[in-house]
C-alpha cells in the first residue's frame, strides 16, 4: 500500500555546495529508484541547531514529502544512518489530516500575497 511520508534530514555544515547537492540528489534518486514519488521538496538552508550535534552548531536542513511503499522506509533510514554527512534524520508517515494540511500549506506558499 502506498502511503505519504515526510522526511527531514540535516547535513553537516562542513560540506561544500557541491557535496550538499550530491547528497540531496542521492536521496532523491533513492526515493525514485524504489518506486517512490516526490510530492514536495524544500531546502531550508543553513540553520542553527537547538543543541550541538557531533560538536556542530549548524546544519543544512532539507524536507521531502514523498509517496512510497512502507517497506522502503527501512532502506531510507539505513541509508541515513550509514551516511556520515547526515547528522540527524526523521521520517514520519502522514495521516489524511496531515496530508491535507501539507497541501494547504504548499498552496498558500505558492500563491502570491493578496493586498487589501
N, C-alpha and C. Protein backbone atom coordinates (compact mmCIF):
# COMPACT_ATOMS: atom_id res chain seq x y z
N UNK A 1 0.84 -1.18 0.00
CA UNK A 1 0.00 0.00 0.00
C UNK A 1 0.89 1.25 0.00
N UNK A 2 0.55 2.18 -0.84
CA UNK A 2 1.34 3.41 -0.94
C UNK A 2 0.80 4.43 0.06
N UNK A 3 1.70 4.95 0.87
CA UNK A 3 1.38 5.98 1.85
C UNK A 3 2.20 7.23 1.56
N UNK A 4 1.82 8.32 2.20
CA UNK A 4 2.59 9.55 2.04
C UNK A 4 3.42 9.77 3.30
N UNK A 5 4.67 10.13 3.09
CA UNK A 5 5.62 10.33 4.18
C UNK A 5 6.28 11.69 4.06
N UNK A 6 6.87 12.10 5.15
CA UNK A 6 7.63 13.34 5.19
C UNK A 6 8.95 13.00 5.88
N UNK A 7 10.03 13.45 5.31
CA UNK A 7 11.33 13.23 5.92
C UNK A 7 12.09 14.55 6.00
N UNK A 8 12.75 14.74 7.12
CA UNK A 8 13.64 15.88 7.32
C UNK A 8 15.00 15.31 7.66
N UNK A 9 16.02 15.81 6.98
CA UNK A 9 17.38 15.39 7.34
C UNK A 9 18.28 16.61 7.38
N UNK A 10 19.29 16.50 8.24
CA UNK A 10 20.23 17.60 8.45
C UNK A 10 21.61 17.14 8.02
N UNK A 11 22.22 17.89 7.13
CA UNK A 11 23.57 17.58 6.67
C UNK A 11 24.58 18.42 7.45
N UNK A 12 25.75 17.87 7.63
CA UNK A 12 26.81 18.56 8.37
C UNK A 12 27.19 19.87 7.68
N UNK A 13 27.50 20.91 8.43
CA UNK A 13 27.77 22.23 7.83
C UNK A 13 29.14 22.36 7.17
N UNK A 14 30.00 21.38 7.31
CA UNK A 14 31.35 21.49 6.74
C UNK A 14 31.41 21.10 5.27
N UNK A 15 30.27 20.74 4.67
CA UNK A 15 30.24 20.32 3.28
C UNK A 15 30.27 21.51 2.33
N UNK A 16 30.85 21.31 1.16
CA UNK A 16 30.81 22.33 0.12
C UNK A 16 29.44 22.28 -0.56
N UNK A 17 29.15 23.30 -1.36
CA UNK A 17 27.86 23.32 -2.08
C UNK A 17 27.71 22.10 -2.97
N UNK A 18 28.78 21.68 -3.60
CA UNK A 18 28.74 20.52 -4.49
C UNK A 18 28.43 19.26 -3.70
N UNK A 19 29.05 19.09 -2.54
CA UNK A 19 28.81 17.91 -1.71
C UNK A 19 27.38 17.88 -1.19
N UNK A 20 26.84 19.04 -0.83
CA UNK A 20 25.46 19.12 -0.37
C UNK A 20 24.53 18.71 -1.50
N UNK A 21 24.78 19.24 -2.69
CA UNK A 21 23.94 18.92 -3.85
C UNK A 21 24.00 17.42 -4.16
N UNK A 22 25.18 16.83 -4.08
CA UNK A 22 25.35 15.39 -4.34
C UNK A 22 24.55 14.57 -3.34
N UNK A 23 24.61 14.95 -2.07
CA UNK A 23 23.89 14.21 -1.04
C UNK A 23 22.38 14.29 -1.25
N UNK A 24 21.90 15.48 -1.56
CA UNK A 24 20.46 15.66 -1.77
C UNK A 24 20.00 14.86 -2.98
N UNK A 25 20.76 14.92 -4.08
CA UNK A 25 20.40 14.16 -5.28
C UNK A 25 20.44 12.65 -5.01
N UNK A 26 21.36 12.22 -4.16
CA UNK A 26 21.45 10.80 -3.81
C UNK A 26 20.15 10.32 -3.16
N UNK A 27 19.60 11.10 -2.24
CA UNK A 27 18.37 10.69 -1.56
C UNK A 27 17.15 10.82 -2.46
N UNK A 28 17.14 11.83 -3.34
CA UNK A 28 16.06 11.95 -4.33
C UNK A 28 16.05 10.71 -5.21
N UNK A 29 17.22 10.32 -5.70
CA UNK A 29 17.33 9.17 -6.58
C UNK A 29 16.97 7.88 -5.85
N UNK A 30 17.33 7.77 -4.59
CA UNK A 30 16.99 6.59 -3.79
C UNK A 30 15.48 6.43 -3.69
N UNK A 31 14.78 7.53 -3.46
CA UNK A 31 13.31 7.50 -3.38
C UNK A 31 12.73 7.08 -4.73
N UNK A 32 13.20 7.68 -5.80
CA UNK A 32 12.67 7.37 -7.13
C UNK A 32 12.99 5.95 -7.57
N UNK A 33 14.21 5.47 -7.27
CA UNK A 33 14.61 4.12 -7.67
C UNK A 33 13.81 3.04 -6.96
N UNK A 34 13.25 3.34 -5.82
CA UNK A 34 12.48 2.36 -5.06
C UNK A 34 10.97 2.56 -5.23
N UNK A 35 10.58 3.15 -6.35
CA UNK A 35 9.17 3.27 -6.68
C UNK A 35 8.46 4.41 -5.99
N UNK A 36 9.19 5.33 -5.40
CA UNK A 36 8.59 6.46 -4.71
C UNK A 36 8.36 7.64 -5.64
N UNK A 37 7.50 8.52 -5.20
CA UNK A 37 7.19 9.73 -5.96
C UNK A 37 7.36 10.92 -5.03
N UNK A 38 8.22 11.86 -5.42
CA UNK A 38 8.45 13.05 -4.60
C UNK A 38 7.32 14.04 -4.85
N UNK A 39 6.61 14.39 -3.78
CA UNK A 39 5.48 15.31 -3.86
C UNK A 39 5.96 16.75 -3.71
N UNK A 40 6.86 16.96 -2.75
CA UNK A 40 7.35 18.30 -2.47
C UNK A 40 8.74 18.20 -1.88
N UNK A 41 9.58 19.18 -2.20
CA UNK A 41 10.91 19.23 -1.58
C UNK A 41 11.21 20.67 -1.24
N UNK A 42 11.84 20.83 -0.09
CA UNK A 42 12.20 22.17 0.37
C UNK A 42 13.61 22.13 0.93
N UNK A 43 14.36 23.17 0.62
CA UNK A 43 15.67 23.36 1.22
C UNK A 43 15.54 24.53 2.18
N UNK A 44 15.74 24.27 3.45
CA UNK A 44 15.62 25.32 4.46
C UNK A 44 16.94 26.04 4.67
N UNK A 45 17.99 25.56 4.05
CA UNK A 45 19.29 26.22 4.14
C UNK A 45 20.04 25.91 5.43
N UNK A 46 21.05 26.71 5.69
CA UNK A 46 21.89 26.54 6.87
C UNK A 46 21.19 27.17 8.07
N UNK A 47 20.89 26.35 9.07
CA UNK A 47 20.17 26.82 10.27
C UNK A 47 20.96 26.46 11.52
N UNK A 48 20.73 27.20 12.56
CA UNK A 48 21.33 26.91 13.86
C UNK A 48 20.58 25.75 14.50
N UNK A 49 21.32 24.82 15.05
CA UNK A 49 20.72 23.67 15.73
C UNK A 49 20.27 24.08 17.14
N UNK A 50 19.28 23.39 17.66
CA UNK A 50 18.79 23.68 19.01
C UNK A 50 19.85 23.32 20.05
N UNK A 51 20.65 22.31 19.73
CA UNK A 51 21.74 21.89 20.62
C UNK A 51 22.84 21.30 19.74
N UNK A 52 24.08 21.31 20.21
CA UNK A 52 25.18 20.79 19.39
C UNK A 52 25.02 19.29 19.10
N UNK A 53 25.30 18.92 17.85
CA UNK A 53 25.30 17.53 17.43
C UNK A 53 26.67 17.28 16.81
N UNK A 54 27.39 16.31 17.32
CA UNK A 54 28.74 15.99 16.86
C UNK A 54 29.62 17.24 16.82
N UNK A 55 29.49 18.06 17.86
CA UNK A 55 30.24 19.30 18.02
C UNK A 55 29.97 20.33 16.91
N UNK A 56 28.82 20.20 16.27
CA UNK A 56 28.39 21.15 15.24
C UNK A 56 27.21 21.95 15.78
N UNK A 57 27.18 23.24 15.49
CA UNK A 57 26.09 24.11 15.96
C UNK A 57 25.11 24.49 14.85
N UNK A 58 25.45 24.17 13.60
CA UNK A 58 24.58 24.48 12.47
C UNK A 58 24.49 23.26 11.56
N UNK A 59 23.55 23.31 10.62
CA UNK A 59 23.40 22.22 9.67
C UNK A 59 22.51 22.65 8.51
N UNK A 60 22.64 21.95 7.39
CA UNK A 60 21.80 22.20 6.22
C UNK A 60 20.54 21.34 6.34
N UNK A 61 19.39 21.99 6.40
CA UNK A 61 18.12 21.29 6.58
C UNK A 61 17.43 21.06 5.23
N UNK A 62 16.84 19.86 5.07
CA UNK A 62 16.08 19.52 3.87
C UNK A 62 14.82 18.77 4.27
N UNK A 63 13.70 19.09 3.60
CA UNK A 63 12.43 18.43 3.84
C UNK A 63 11.93 17.85 2.53
N UNK A 64 11.48 16.59 2.59
CA UNK A 64 10.90 15.93 1.43
C UNK A 64 9.57 15.32 1.82
N UNK A 65 8.55 15.52 0.99
CA UNK A 65 7.30 14.80 1.10
C UNK A 65 7.30 13.83 -0.07
N UNK A 66 7.01 12.56 0.20
CA UNK A 66 7.02 11.58 -0.87
C UNK A 66 5.99 10.49 -0.62
N UNK A 67 5.61 9.81 -1.70
CA UNK A 67 4.71 8.66 -1.62
C UNK A 67 5.52 7.43 -1.92
N UNK A 68 5.31 6.39 -1.10
CA UNK A 68 6.11 5.19 -1.26
C UNK A 68 5.46 4.02 -0.53
N UNK A 69 5.97 2.84 -0.80
CA UNK A 69 5.58 1.65 -0.05
C UNK A 69 6.24 1.71 1.33
N UNK A 70 5.62 1.10 2.31
CA UNK A 70 6.14 1.12 3.67
C UNK A 70 7.47 0.41 3.84
N UNK A 71 7.71 -0.62 3.00
CA UNK A 71 8.96 -1.38 3.12
C UNK A 71 10.20 -0.54 2.79
N UNK A 72 10.00 0.50 2.01
CA UNK A 72 11.12 1.35 1.60
C UNK A 72 11.72 2.13 2.76
N UNK A 73 10.94 2.39 3.80
CA UNK A 73 11.42 3.22 4.91
C UNK A 73 12.66 2.63 5.58
N UNK A 74 12.73 1.31 5.67
CA UNK A 74 13.91 0.68 6.25
C UNK A 74 15.16 1.00 5.44
N UNK A 75 15.04 0.96 4.11
CA UNK A 75 16.19 1.30 3.24
C UNK A 75 16.61 2.76 3.44
N UNK A 76 15.60 3.64 3.52
CA UNK A 76 15.90 5.06 3.66
C UNK A 76 16.57 5.36 4.99
N UNK A 77 16.04 4.84 6.08
CA UNK A 77 16.65 5.10 7.39
C UNK A 77 18.04 4.48 7.49
N UNK A 78 18.23 3.32 6.88
CA UNK A 78 19.56 2.70 6.87
C UNK A 78 20.55 3.57 6.08
N UNK A 79 20.10 4.12 4.96
CA UNK A 79 20.96 4.99 4.16
C UNK A 79 21.34 6.24 4.95
N UNK A 80 20.38 6.81 5.68
CA UNK A 80 20.69 7.97 6.52
C UNK A 80 21.75 7.63 7.57
N UNK A 81 21.57 6.48 8.23
CA UNK A 81 22.49 6.10 9.31
C UNK A 81 23.90 5.81 8.80
N UNK A 82 24.00 5.28 7.59
CA UNK A 82 25.31 4.93 7.03
C UNK A 82 26.05 6.14 6.47
N UNK A 83 25.34 7.19 6.15
CA UNK A 83 25.94 8.37 5.53
C UNK A 83 26.50 9.29 6.61
N UNK A 84 27.81 9.49 6.60
CA UNK A 84 28.44 10.34 7.61
C UNK A 84 28.13 11.81 7.42
N UNK A 85 27.57 12.17 6.27
CA UNK A 85 27.20 13.56 6.01
C UNK A 85 25.90 13.94 6.72
N UNK A 86 25.06 12.95 7.02
CA UNK A 86 23.77 13.19 7.68
C UNK A 86 23.99 13.12 9.19
N UNK A 87 23.67 14.23 9.89
CA UNK A 87 23.85 14.23 11.34
C UNK A 87 22.55 13.94 12.09
N UNK A 88 21.40 14.16 11.45
CA UNK A 88 20.10 13.81 12.04
C UNK A 88 19.12 13.58 10.92
N UNK A 89 18.14 12.70 11.17
CA UNK A 89 17.08 12.47 10.19
C UNK A 89 15.83 12.01 10.91
N UNK A 90 14.70 12.22 10.25
CA UNK A 90 13.41 11.80 10.79
C UNK A 90 12.49 11.51 9.62
N UNK A 91 11.76 10.38 9.70
CA UNK A 91 10.78 10.02 8.69
C UNK A 91 9.45 9.82 9.41
N UNK A 92 8.39 10.47 8.90
CA UNK A 92 7.08 10.42 9.54
C UNK A 92 6.04 10.06 8.49
N UNK A 93 5.14 9.13 8.84
CA UNK A 93 4.02 8.81 7.98
C UNK A 93 2.93 9.85 8.21
N UNK A 94 2.41 10.41 7.12
CA UNK A 94 1.38 11.44 7.22
C UNK A 94 0.00 10.79 7.16
N UNK A 95 -0.88 11.13 8.12
CA UNK A 95 -2.26 10.66 8.05
C UNK A 95 -3.04 11.58 7.13
N UNK A 96 -4.31 11.30 6.91
CA UNK A 96 -5.08 12.07 5.93
C UNK A 96 -5.18 13.54 6.30
N UNK A 97 -5.23 13.85 7.60
CA UNK A 97 -5.31 15.25 8.03
C UNK A 97 -3.99 15.97 7.78
N UNK A 98 -2.89 15.29 8.03
CA UNK A 98 -1.57 15.89 7.79
C UNK A 98 -1.34 16.10 6.30
N UNK A 99 -1.83 15.20 5.46
CA UNK A 99 -1.69 15.36 4.01
C UNK A 99 -2.46 16.60 3.55
N UNK A 100 -3.68 16.77 4.04
CA UNK A 100 -4.48 17.95 3.68
C UNK A 100 -3.80 19.23 4.15
N UNK A 101 -3.27 19.21 5.36
CA UNK A 101 -2.57 20.38 5.90
C UNK A 101 -1.35 20.71 5.05
N UNK A 102 -0.58 19.69 4.67
CA UNK A 102 0.62 19.92 3.86
C UNK A 102 0.26 20.50 2.50
N UNK A 103 -0.83 19.98 1.89
CA UNK A 103 -1.27 20.52 0.59
C UNK A 103 -1.69 21.98 0.73
N UNK A 104 -2.44 22.27 1.80
CA UNK A 104 -2.90 23.64 2.05
C UNK A 104 -1.70 24.57 2.24
N UNK A 105 -0.73 24.11 3.00
CA UNK A 105 0.48 24.90 3.26
C UNK A 105 1.26 25.15 1.97
N UNK A 106 1.40 24.12 1.13
CA UNK A 106 2.11 24.28 -0.14
C UNK A 106 1.39 25.27 -1.04
N UNK A 107 0.09 25.16 -1.14
CA UNK A 107 -0.69 26.06 -1.99
C UNK A 107 -0.63 27.49 -1.50
N UNK A 108 -0.62 27.67 -0.18
CA UNK A 108 -0.55 29.01 0.38
C UNK A 108 0.80 29.65 0.08
N UNK A 109 1.85 28.88 0.14
CA UNK A 109 3.20 29.39 -0.13
C UNK A 109 3.33 29.77 -1.60
N UNK A 110 2.72 28.99 -2.50
CA UNK A 110 2.85 29.24 -3.92
C UNK A 110 2.02 30.41 -4.40
N UNK A 111 0.91 30.72 -3.71
CA UNK A 111 0.07 31.85 -4.09
C UNK A 111 0.75 33.16 -3.74
N UNK A 112 0.63 34.15 -4.60
CA UNK A 112 1.20 35.47 -4.24
C UNK A 112 0.37 36.10 -3.11
N UNK A 113 1.00 36.91 -2.32
CA UNK A 113 0.31 37.56 -1.19
C UNK A 113 -0.73 38.52 -1.73
N UNK A 114 -1.91 38.49 -1.11
CA UNK A 114 -3.01 39.36 -1.52
C UNK A 114 -2.96 40.64 -0.69
N UNK A 115 -3.11 41.76 -1.35
CA UNK A 115 -3.14 43.03 -0.63
C UNK A 115 -4.57 43.53 -0.60
N UNK A 116 -4.93 44.12 0.52
CA UNK A 116 -6.29 44.61 0.70
C UNK A 116 -6.32 46.11 0.58
